[in-house]
Protein backbone atom coordinates (compact mmCIF):
# COMPACT_ATOMS: atom_id res chain seq x y z
CA UNK A 1 -89.65 144.46 127.82
CA UNK A 2 -90.76 141.09 129.00
CA UNK A 3 -90.67 138.34 126.64
CA UNK A 4 -93.95 136.28 125.85
CA UNK A 5 -93.23 132.93 127.62
CA UNK A 6 -95.40 131.31 124.62
CA UNK A 7 -92.41 131.96 122.26
CA UNK A 8 -90.01 128.87 122.04
CA UNK A 9 -88.53 129.09 118.32
CA UNK A 10 -88.26 132.00 116.41
CA UNK A 11 -87.15 130.63 113.42
CA UNK A 12 -89.25 131.04 110.38
CA UNK A 13 -91.99 128.38 108.93
CA UNK A 14 -91.49 126.37 105.69
CA UNK A 15 -92.07 128.88 103.01
CA UNK A 16 -92.69 128.59 99.10
CA UNK A 17 -89.26 128.38 97.43
CA UNK A 18 -89.10 130.48 94.17
CA UNK A 19 -85.96 129.92 91.66
CA UNK A 20 -84.72 131.70 88.60
CA UNK A 21 -85.08 130.10 84.95
CA UNK A 22 -81.15 129.58 85.03
CA UNK A 23 -81.74 127.43 88.04
CA UNK A 24 -84.54 125.74 86.71
CA UNK A 25 -82.82 124.99 83.72
CA UNK A 26 -80.19 123.06 85.90
CA UNK A 27 -82.98 121.31 87.85
CA UNK A 28 -84.29 120.17 84.49
CA UNK A 29 -80.74 118.74 83.81
CA UNK A 30 -80.18 116.97 87.05
CA UNK A 31 -83.87 115.19 86.56
CA UNK A 32 -82.49 114.03 83.20
CA UNK A 33 -79.22 112.94 84.60
CA UNK A 34 -81.06 111.11 87.34
CA UNK A 35 -83.04 109.14 84.93
CA UNK A 36 -85.93 111.06 83.64
CA UNK A 37 -85.85 111.76 80.23
CA UNK A 38 -86.74 115.31 78.83
CA UNK A 39 -89.46 114.02 76.48
CA UNK A 40 -91.26 112.70 79.43
CA UNK A 41 -90.83 115.88 81.32
CA UNK A 42 -92.23 117.51 78.60
CA UNK A 43 -95.10 115.05 78.30
CA UNK A 44 -96.11 115.54 81.95
CA UNK A 45 -95.93 119.13 81.52
CA UNK A 46 -98.44 119.32 78.44
CA UNK A 47 -100.71 116.88 80.37
CA UNK A 48 -100.99 118.87 83.54
CA UNK A 49 -102.01 122.15 81.75
CA UNK A 50 -104.50 119.91 79.48
CA UNK A 51 -106.06 118.52 82.87
CA UNK A 52 -106.29 122.33 84.26
CA UNK A 53 -107.87 123.41 81.08
CA UNK A 54 -110.46 120.70 81.23
CA UNK A 55 -110.97 121.59 85.03
CA UNK A 56 -111.58 125.09 84.29
CA UNK A 57 -113.21 125.21 81.02
CA UNK A 58 -115.06 121.96 80.82
CA UNK A 59 -117.56 123.04 78.12
CA UNK A 60 -114.77 124.27 75.34
CA UNK A 61 -115.02 122.61 72.23
CA UNK A 62 -112.35 124.49 70.25
CA UNK A 63 -108.53 124.86 71.33
CA UNK A 64 -106.14 127.12 69.69
CA UNK A 65 -102.61 126.71 70.64
CA UNK A 66 -99.83 129.58 69.70
CA UNK A 67 -96.76 127.52 69.72
CA UNK A 68 -93.40 129.23 69.25
CA UNK A 69 -89.76 127.22 69.29
CA UNK A 70 -88.04 125.23 72.07
CA UNK A 71 -89.40 123.45 75.00
CA UNK A 72 -92.20 125.79 75.56
CA UNK A 73 -93.55 125.17 72.04
CA UNK A 74 -93.02 121.50 72.67
CA UNK A 75 -95.36 121.72 75.59
CA UNK A 76 -97.91 123.15 73.41
CA UNK A 77 -97.70 120.23 71.02
CA UNK A 78 -98.38 117.71 73.80
CA UNK A 79 -101.59 119.78 75.00
CA UNK A 80 -102.90 120.04 71.19
CA UNK A 81 -102.13 116.14 70.70
CA UNK A 82 -104.29 115.63 74.17
CA UNK A 83 -107.09 117.72 73.09
CA UNK A 84 -107.65 116.36 69.82
CA UNK A 85 -107.62 112.76 71.18
CA UNK A 86 -110.45 114.06 73.45
CA UNK A 87 -112.38 115.17 70.71
CA UNK A 88 -111.87 118.91 70.54
CA UNK A 89 -111.34 120.63 67.31
CA UNK A 90 -107.79 121.72 67.68
CA UNK A 91 -105.46 123.89 65.73
CA UNK A 92 -102.02 124.68 66.09
CA UNK A 93 -100.73 128.55 64.92
CA UNK A 94 -96.85 128.42 64.93
CA UNK A 95 -94.27 131.10 64.94
CA UNK A 96 -91.62 128.77 64.28
CA UNK A 97 -92.46 126.06 62.15
CA UNK A 98 -92.37 122.51 63.34
CA UNK A 99 -89.75 121.38 60.85
CA UNK A 100 -87.28 123.85 62.69
CA UNK A 101 -88.00 122.28 66.00
CA UNK A 102 -85.20 120.19 67.46
CA UNK A 103 -84.99 117.65 70.42
CA UNK A 104 -87.93 116.73 72.64
CA UNK A 105 -89.99 119.73 71.03
CA UNK A 106 -89.50 118.23 67.77
CA UNK A 107 -90.49 114.75 68.78
CA UNK A 108 -93.73 116.11 70.29
CA UNK A 109 -94.48 118.01 67.40
CA UNK A 110 -94.15 115.07 65.10
CA UNK A 111 -96.61 113.15 67.40
CA UNK A 112 -99.29 115.78 67.01
CA UNK A 113 -98.96 116.11 63.25
CA UNK A 114 -98.54 112.24 63.01
CA UNK A 115 -102.04 111.88 64.59
CA UNK A 116 -103.67 114.34 61.97
CA UNK A 117 -103.14 117.30 63.81
CA UNK A 118 -103.56 120.71 62.20
CA UNK A 119 -100.82 122.94 62.08
CA UNK A 120 -100.45 126.04 60.19
CA UNK A 121 -98.41 129.56 60.53
CA UNK A 122 -99.93 132.02 62.79
CA UNK A 123 -103.35 133.81 61.64
CA UNK A 124 -104.63 136.29 64.39
CA UNK A 125 -108.32 135.74 62.63
CA UNK A 126 -108.35 132.21 63.96
CA UNK A 127 -108.10 133.24 67.53
CA UNK A 128 -111.72 134.53 67.17
CA UNK A 129 -113.22 131.09 67.14
CA UNK A 130 -111.43 129.54 70.23
CA UNK A 131 -113.07 128.86 73.11
CA UNK A 132 -109.66 128.67 74.87
CA UNK A 133 -106.05 129.80 73.66
CA UNK A 134 -102.92 128.13 74.93
CA UNK A 135 -99.99 130.26 75.20
CA UNK A 136 -96.88 128.14 74.12
CA UNK A 137 -94.98 130.93 72.36
CA UNK A 138 -92.17 132.38 74.35
CA UNK A 139 -90.58 130.80 77.49
CA UNK A 140 -88.85 131.53 80.58
CA UNK A 141 -85.44 132.03 78.80
CA UNK A 142 -86.60 135.50 77.51
CA UNK A 143 -84.11 137.82 77.92
CA UNK A 144 -84.82 140.70 75.44
CA UNK A 145 -87.80 142.94 74.49
CA UNK A 146 -90.60 140.91 72.35
CA UNK A 147 -90.88 142.32 68.99
CA UNK A 148 -91.86 141.83 65.36
CA UNK A 149 -93.94 138.89 64.53
CA UNK A 150 -93.87 137.75 68.15
CA UNK A 151 -95.14 140.97 69.61
CA UNK A 152 -98.08 141.02 66.83
CA UNK A 153 -98.69 137.53 68.39
CA UNK A 154 -99.12 138.43 71.87
CA UNK A 155 -101.05 141.54 70.85
CA UNK A 156 -103.43 139.22 68.96
CA UNK A 157 -103.91 136.53 71.91
CA UNK A 158 -104.65 139.63 74.11
CA UNK A 159 -107.15 140.87 71.83
CA UNK A 160 -109.04 137.79 71.33
CA UNK A 161 -112.08 137.12 73.65
CA UNK A 162 -111.12 133.38 74.64
CA UNK A 163 -109.36 132.85 77.83
CA UNK A 164 -105.72 132.01 77.97
CA UNK A 165 -103.92 129.28 79.79
CA UNK A 166 -100.18 129.64 79.52
CA UNK A 167 -97.42 127.28 79.37
CA UNK A 168 -94.89 127.85 82.03
CA UNK A 169 -95.13 131.65 82.09
CA UNK A 170 -96.79 134.05 80.00
CA UNK A 171 -94.82 135.13 76.81
CA UNK A 172 -93.33 138.43 77.47
CA UNK A 173 -92.74 138.08 81.08
CA UNK A 174 -89.30 137.78 82.26
CA UNK A 175 -88.88 134.72 84.32
CA UNK A 176 -86.55 135.98 87.02
CA UNK A 177 -87.69 139.58 87.49
CA UNK A 178 -91.08 139.71 86.44
CA UNK A 179 -90.92 142.46 84.15
CA UNK A 180 -92.81 143.12 80.84
CA UNK A 181 -90.12 142.65 78.11
CA UNK A 182 -92.14 145.19 75.85
CA UNK A 183 -95.36 143.23 75.68
CA UNK A 184 -96.85 140.46 77.61
CA UNK A 185 -99.86 137.70 77.16
CA UNK A 186 -102.61 138.15 79.93
CA UNK A 187 -103.18 135.07 81.15
CA UNK A 188 -106.09 133.70 83.09
CA UNK A 189 -104.03 130.64 84.28
CA UNK A 190 -100.41 129.79 84.33
CA UNK A 191 -99.24 126.15 84.77
CA UNK A 192 -95.47 126.05 85.77
CA UNK A 193 -93.52 123.24 86.13
CA UNK A 194 -90.31 121.73 87.90
CA UNK A 195 -89.97 124.95 90.16
CA UNK A 196 -91.86 128.01 90.63
CA UNK A 197 -90.26 131.03 88.75
CA UNK A 198 -89.91 134.13 90.49
CA UNK A 199 -90.97 136.16 88.03
CA UNK A 200 -94.34 134.94 88.21
CA UNK A 201 -95.00 136.43 91.61
CA UNK A 202 -93.73 140.00 91.24
CA UNK A 203 -93.66 143.14 88.94
CA UNK A 204 -96.03 142.37 86.06
CA UNK A 205 -95.97 138.73 86.55
CA UNK A 206 -98.96 138.41 89.06
CA UNK A 207 -101.23 140.58 86.51
CA UNK A 208 -100.26 138.47 83.54
CA UNK A 209 -100.08 135.09 85.12
CA UNK A 210 -103.89 134.92 86.46
CA UNK A 211 -104.31 131.78 88.78
CA UNK A 212 -100.57 129.69 89.11
CA UNK A 213 -100.60 126.10 89.26
CA UNK A 214 -97.80 124.35 90.21
CA UNK A 215 -96.51 120.66 89.26
CA UNK A 216 -92.84 119.36 89.84
CA UNK A 217 -93.47 116.72 87.06
CA UNK A 218 -91.89 114.22 89.45
CA UNK A 219 -88.65 115.77 89.98
CA UNK A 220 -88.89 116.63 93.36
CA UNK A 221 -86.88 113.71 95.07
CA UNK A 222 -84.40 113.43 92.21
CA UNK A 223 -83.25 117.33 92.64
CA UNK A 224 -83.80 118.05 96.30
CA UNK A 225 -81.13 120.15 97.79
CA UNK A 226 -79.48 120.73 94.39
CA UNK A 227 -80.22 124.55 94.17
CA UNK A 228 -80.80 127.00 96.96
CA UNK A 229 -83.96 129.02 96.45
CA UNK A 230 -83.13 132.43 95.08
CA UNK A 231 -86.37 133.75 97.13
CA UNK A 232 -88.74 132.53 99.50
CA UNK A 233 -92.22 133.51 99.60
CA UNK A 234 -93.95 133.85 103.12
CA UNK A 235 -97.33 132.06 103.49
CA UNK A 236 -100.30 131.95 106.04
CA UNK A 237 -98.00 129.57 107.89
CA UNK A 238 -95.24 132.35 108.61
CA UNK A 239 -98.14 133.95 110.26
CA UNK A 240 -98.62 131.26 112.83
CA UNK A 241 -94.91 130.48 113.42
CA UNK A 242 -94.29 134.55 114.18
CA UNK A 243 -97.14 134.71 116.24
CA UNK A 244 -98.06 131.45 118.52
CA UNK A 245 -101.00 131.35 120.67
CA UNK A 246 -100.59 133.84 123.85
CA UNK A 247 -100.39 132.14 127.16
CA UNK A 248 -103.49 132.72 129.59
CA UNK A 249 -101.22 134.84 131.89
CA UNK A 250 -100.12 137.18 129.26
CA UNK A 251 -100.13 140.86 129.77
CA UNK A 252 -99.21 143.95 127.73
CA UNK A 253 -95.70 144.10 129.02
CA UNK A 254 -94.86 141.04 127.19
CA UNK A 255 -95.90 142.64 123.33
CA UNK A 256 -93.85 145.92 123.24
CA UNK A 257 -94.31 149.63 122.97
CA UNK A 258 -94.56 150.94 119.54
CA UNK A 259 -94.29 154.65 118.94
CA UNK A 260 -95.37 156.22 116.05
CA UNK A 261 -93.98 159.61 115.21
CA UNK A 262 -95.83 161.71 112.32
CA UNK A 263 -98.65 163.67 111.38
CA UNK A 264 -97.52 167.16 110.52
CA UNK A 265 -100.18 169.72 109.73
CA UNK A 266 -103.14 168.34 107.93
CA UNK A 267 -101.67 164.70 107.82
CA UNK A 268 -103.09 163.25 111.24
CA UNK A 269 -104.79 160.52 109.57
CA UNK A 270 -101.84 159.16 108.50
CA UNK A 271 -100.06 158.93 112.28
CA UNK A 272 -103.52 157.31 113.40
CA UNK A 273 -103.74 154.74 110.68
CA UNK A 274 -100.40 153.27 111.45
CA UNK A 275 -100.81 153.44 115.06
CA UNK A 276 -104.21 151.83 115.18
CA UNK A 277 -102.71 149.10 112.81
CA UNK A 278 -99.85 148.28 115.16
CA UNK A 279 -102.62 148.03 118.12
CA UNK A 280 -104.74 145.78 115.89
CA UNK A 281 -101.73 143.65 115.21
CA UNK A 282 -101.29 143.06 119.10
CA UNK A 283 -98.58 145.44 120.28
CA UNK A 284 -98.99 145.76 124.10
CA UNK A 285 -98.79 149.34 123.80
CA UNK A 286 -99.10 152.18 121.15
CA UNK A 287 -98.13 155.66 121.50
CA UNK A 288 -98.25 158.63 119.08
CA UNK A 289 -96.05 161.79 118.74
CA UNK A 290 -97.61 164.26 116.66
CA UNK A 291 -98.75 168.04 116.31
CA UNK A 292 -100.43 168.90 119.52
CA UNK A 293 -103.53 170.11 117.58
CA UNK A 294 -103.90 166.16 116.14
CA UNK A 295 -104.24 164.74 119.66
CA UNK A 296 -107.78 164.88 119.87
CA UNK A 297 -108.46 163.37 116.37
CA UNK A 298 -106.00 160.77 117.16
CA UNK A 299 -107.68 159.62 120.41
CA UNK A 300 -110.97 159.89 118.95
CA UNK A 301 -110.25 157.60 116.28
CA UNK A 302 -108.76 154.94 118.63
CA UNK A 303 -109.11 155.48 122.32
CA UNK A 304 -106.55 152.69 122.76
CA UNK A 305 -103.66 154.74 121.56
CA UNK A 306 -101.97 157.06 123.84
CA UNK A 307 -101.23 160.56 121.92
CA UNK A 308 -98.96 163.17 122.74
CA UNK A 309 -98.75 166.64 121.50
CA UNK A 310 -94.66 167.14 120.54
CA UNK A 311 -93.31 170.54 119.40
CA UNK A 312 -89.63 169.86 119.43
CA UNK A 313 -87.16 167.26 120.01
CA UNK A 314 -86.64 167.88 123.72
CA UNK A 315 -90.52 166.68 124.22
CA UNK A 316 -89.88 163.85 121.91
CA UNK A 317 -87.02 162.23 124.04
CA UNK A 318 -88.97 160.80 126.87
CA UNK A 319 -91.34 159.17 124.57
CA UNK A 320 -88.56 157.70 122.79
CA UNK A 321 -86.92 156.44 125.88
CA UNK A 322 -89.93 154.43 126.87
CA UNK A 323 -90.86 152.62 123.30
CA UNK A 324 -89.33 149.45 122.26
CA UNK A 325 -90.18 150.10 118.61
CA UNK A 326 -90.18 153.13 116.90
CA UNK A 327 -92.05 154.00 113.62
CA UNK A 328 -91.04 157.32 111.49
CA UNK A 329 -92.69 158.79 108.75
CA UNK A 330 -96.44 158.72 108.32
CA UNK A 331 -97.40 162.30 107.80
CA UNK A 332 -94.32 163.53 108.89
CA UNK A 333 -93.55 166.44 106.24
CA UNK A 334 -90.43 167.79 105.43
CA UNK A 335 -90.67 171.08 107.12
CA UNK A 336 -88.95 171.92 110.19
CA UNK A 337 -91.17 170.17 112.56
CA UNK A 338 -90.75 167.07 110.36
CA UNK A 339 -87.00 167.75 110.33
CA UNK A 340 -86.72 167.89 114.17
CA UNK A 341 -88.65 164.85 114.69
CA UNK A 342 -86.42 162.90 112.32
CA UNK A 343 -83.35 164.22 113.67
CA UNK A 344 -84.37 163.01 117.16
CA UNK A 345 -85.55 159.62 115.82
CA UNK A 346 -82.43 158.88 113.56
CA UNK A 347 -79.94 158.08 116.03
CA UNK A 348 -82.04 156.54 118.73
CA UNK A 349 -81.01 153.02 119.90
CA UNK A 350 -84.48 151.16 118.91
CA UNK A 351 -85.73 149.07 116.20
CA UNK A 352 -87.01 151.50 113.91
CA UNK A 353 -89.63 151.32 110.75
CA UNK A 354 -88.98 154.22 108.29
CA UNK A 355 -91.39 155.16 105.82
CA UNK A 356 -92.71 158.25 103.47
CA UNK A 357 -91.08 161.54 104.68
CA UNK A 358 -88.75 159.55 106.81
CA UNK A 359 -87.29 157.81 103.54
CA UNK A 360 -86.97 161.32 102.25
CA UNK A 361 -85.43 162.76 105.02
CA UNK A 362 -83.11 159.79 105.53
CA UNK A 363 -82.09 160.22 101.61
CA UNK A 364 -81.33 163.79 102.30
CA UNK A 365 -79.34 162.75 105.32
CA UNK A 366 -77.52 160.18 103.08
CA UNK A 367 -76.26 158.14 106.37
CA UNK A 368 -77.15 154.46 106.88
CA UNK A 369 -79.25 153.75 109.54
CA UNK A 370 -79.11 150.43 111.84
CA UNK A 371 -81.46 147.96 113.19
CA UNK A 372 -84.24 149.58 110.77
CA UNK A 373 -86.67 148.40 108.14
CA UNK A 374 -87.31 150.67 105.24
CA UNK A 375 -90.69 150.45 103.55
CA UNK A 376 -90.40 152.38 100.07
CA UNK A 377 -92.65 152.55 97.01
CA UNK A 378 -90.77 152.83 93.90
CA UNK A 379 -90.61 156.40 93.87
CA UNK A 380 -88.94 156.82 97.24
CA UNK A 381 -86.82 153.90 96.33
CA UNK A 382 -85.45 156.07 93.34
CA UNK A 383 -84.43 159.06 95.97
CA UNK A 384 -82.90 156.43 98.20
CA UNK A 385 -80.86 154.90 95.50
CA UNK A 386 -79.67 158.15 93.82
CA UNK A 387 -78.32 158.57 90.35
CA UNK A 388 -78.51 155.80 87.96
CA UNK A 389 -82.18 154.75 89.03
CA UNK A 390 -85.48 155.60 88.04
CA UNK A 391 -88.80 153.90 88.40
CA UNK A 392 -88.26 152.09 84.98
CA UNK A 393 -85.39 150.65 86.31
CA UNK A 394 -86.94 149.39 89.49
CA UNK A 395 -89.61 148.04 87.43
CA UNK A 396 -87.02 146.14 85.10
CA UNK A 397 -85.54 144.46 88.11
CA UNK A 398 -86.94 144.60 91.45
CA UNK A 399 -84.80 142.26 92.81
CA UNK A 400 -81.73 144.24 92.15
CA UNK A 401 -83.20 147.36 93.40
CA UNK A 402 -84.31 145.66 96.81
CA UNK A 403 -80.92 144.29 97.17
CA UNK A 404 -79.12 147.82 96.51
CA UNK A 405 -81.51 149.41 99.02
CA UNK A 406 -80.78 146.85 101.70
CA UNK A 407 -76.84 147.03 100.90
CA UNK A 408 -76.65 151.05 100.52
CA UNK A 409 -78.51 151.65 103.57
CA UNK A 410 -77.33 148.59 105.67
CA UNK A 411 -81.08 147.92 106.52
CA UNK A 412 -83.63 145.64 105.90
CA UNK A 413 -85.64 146.90 102.83
CA UNK A 414 -89.28 145.99 102.02
CA UNK A 415 -89.78 147.58 98.32
CA UNK A 416 -93.71 147.86 97.88
CA UNK A 417 -95.71 146.89 94.75
CA UNK A 418 -97.16 143.73 93.46
CA UNK A 419 -95.17 140.83 94.98
CA UNK A 420 -93.49 143.15 97.63
CA UNK A 421 -89.92 142.03 98.21
CA UNK A 422 -87.89 142.22 101.38
CA UNK A 423 -84.00 141.98 101.32
CA UNK A 424 -81.47 142.07 104.24
CA UNK A 425 -78.45 142.06 101.95
CA UNK A 426 -78.34 138.39 102.42
CA UNK A 427 -81.74 136.67 102.25
CA UNK A 428 -84.56 137.58 99.83
CA UNK A 429 -88.16 137.35 100.72
CA UNK A 430 -91.48 137.88 98.53
CA UNK A 431 -95.05 138.28 100.15
CA UNK A 432 -97.78 137.63 97.29
CA UNK A 433 -101.15 138.72 99.01
CA UNK A 434 -102.60 141.98 98.15
CA UNK A 435 -105.29 143.36 95.62
CA UNK A 436 -105.53 146.25 93.22
CA UNK A 437 -107.99 147.84 95.48
CA UNK A 438 -105.01 148.87 97.93
CA UNK A 439 -103.62 151.27 95.23
CA UNK A 440 -104.88 154.15 97.49
CA UNK A 441 -103.51 156.72 100.02
CA UNK A 442 -103.06 155.51 103.43
CA UNK A 443 -102.03 152.01 102.66
CA UNK A 444 -98.44 152.35 103.30
CA UNK A 445 -99.39 153.80 106.89
CA UNK A 446 -100.74 150.80 107.72
CA UNK A 447 -98.04 148.86 106.50
CA UNK A 448 -95.75 150.85 108.68
CA UNK A 449 -98.03 149.76 111.77
CA UNK A 450 -98.08 146.27 111.11
CA UNK A 451 -94.18 146.03 110.81
CA UNK A 452 -93.93 147.99 113.97
CA UNK A 453 -96.98 146.19 115.58
CA UNK A 454 -95.13 142.80 115.01
CA UNK A 455 -91.72 143.79 115.60
CA UNK A 456 -92.41 144.85 119.26
CA UNK A 457 -93.96 141.37 119.90
CA UNK A 458 -91.29 139.40 118.28
CA UNK A 459 -87.96 141.13 118.97
CA UNK A 460 -86.08 138.13 118.85
CA UNK A 461 -87.45 137.44 115.23
CA UNK A 462 -85.44 137.76 112.04
CA UNK A 463 -86.37 141.20 111.04
CA UNK A 464 -86.23 140.51 107.28
CA UNK A 465 -88.52 137.52 107.81
CA UNK A 466 -90.78 139.34 110.09
CA UNK A 467 -91.13 142.33 107.50
CA UNK A 468 -92.22 139.78 104.61
CA UNK A 469 -94.75 138.24 107.22
CA UNK A 470 -96.03 141.79 107.82
CA UNK A 471 -96.47 142.60 104.03
CA UNK A 472 -98.47 139.34 103.57
CA UNK A 473 -100.73 140.05 106.62
CA UNK A 474 -101.25 143.69 105.21
CA UNK A 475 -102.05 142.21 101.77
CA UNK A 476 -104.41 139.62 102.93
CA UNK A 477 -106.22 142.12 105.19
CA UNK A 478 -106.70 144.01 101.97
CA UNK A 479 -108.17 140.83 100.41
CA UNK A 480 -110.60 140.03 103.18
CA UNK A 481 -111.58 143.79 103.37
CA UNK A 482 -112.51 143.94 99.62
CA UNK A 483 -114.40 140.58 99.93
CA UNK A 484 -116.40 141.92 102.71
CA UNK A 485 -117.16 145.28 100.77
CA UNK A 486 -118.18 143.31 97.70
CA UNK A 487 -115.51 144.56 95.30
CA UNK A 488 -111.92 146.17 95.09
CA UNK A 489 -112.76 149.77 93.98
CA UNK A 490 -113.50 152.43 96.80
CA UNK A 491 -111.34 150.23 99.24
CA UNK A 492 -109.84 152.56 102.20
CA UNK A 493 -107.00 152.14 104.06
CA UNK A 494 -108.97 152.16 107.37
CA UNK A 495 -111.14 149.25 105.87
CA UNK A 496 -108.08 147.25 106.59
CA UNK A 497 -107.81 147.84 110.51
CA UNK A 498 -110.58 145.66 111.79
CA UNK A 499 -109.38 142.58 109.67
CA UNK A 500 -105.96 142.26 111.11
CA UNK A 501 -106.92 140.38 114.15
CA UNK A 502 -108.79 137.92 111.78
CA UNK A 503 -105.85 137.51 109.41
CA UNK A 504 -103.50 136.88 112.32
CA UNK A 505 -106.02 134.15 113.62
CA UNK A 506 -106.17 132.47 110.21
CA UNK A 507 -105.43 128.83 110.27
CA UNK A 508 -102.95 127.81 107.75
CA UNK A 509 -104.21 125.80 104.90
């Protein structure tokens, strides 16, 4: 394949950096050692959340702050003090009495109390009168299931009618993994500080965090370079870096040839979705190898795709030879036809994207694949990972699961779900776009086509980074399609196809 002459630099664009709670604690300490007192950091954190509350709910007149212990509770006392000073009716409901606090949190609690602030033990009934509730109960250090009085407080916050603003992270969300530790607060907005915590952006984190606002509290220059990011979140800037504008003399030979293999009896739609997605993302040529009876269906739906009926591996061989990228799995099935197609694709020396029944047949084979992107959902990931894993274990630590997939199969692993994760055994990426409306059939087939279509155009790009960008593009197309339809419910995989070119053309903010 010829290379697009407009491509000069395959390196990823600057991404959003995500850190673990342990890393953020070290960044905190580095800032303090550099001369920024912890008491000042806490004051700045509370002020930032207070500004966000005023911006979002300017008519609020009654604020209830639910405080625990430690720095999270200290931030809550700062918010309470500032709100009371602004003339709001403020009440702190504590699960840890202020006299049991220490350090900076104790000092800020004392300042609130010395100003006449109301503070009493937690009372669920008091939440009913709040215009806004501040969740300052549990912080990023949580490492065990929420239970007892704290679980009761979380349940009461969620049952209250008022919107919730969370300090740093919603109580009950694991700061590194995004897992829900038994129960978790469902906030409308979360203000997070110093560095973005990885758990806010994957697993249950996005559902419970609401809108995430970030403030480094002035630590950036003091701690720059002291910690390497745990994960990098791709953004619209990565799309632009991956696919620069095409030159005027571009031709299809510059942009690769995707072959999509799949579509056993009754599953023509899957292979059609993947093929059109690859074409809509800009692949120079797209071919399909499918059951002969499905050729009219595929061509009728997308005439730009070249569809070939194949009955065995021998008929597939010349199509594999002409392809620059092979996508195997959409609608493949696990019957003899699908097994024959998989066997022919398994050892082909081409970049591959493996999804759906391709993954299930790979799990049966048990042999690692080279130069491949695997795109499992959690159920498929369980089959690939084998004994010791189930969907609950994957939900508990998606980062560990995607690293295990990449290591075990010697491939790039793209673990689908809220906050899709990509791992190649050394680097981690996260794609944070998407909508709950995408929880429907065929969405994975579209993603397979997006990955393949981008890989065809950028064979020189880092495959893990490219796969993460593909997931980001896929999610953004879902967002755009839902906006155009006026709602998320009823979104179809085919609705995304027409939005892929527009998403790829979006200018970074």
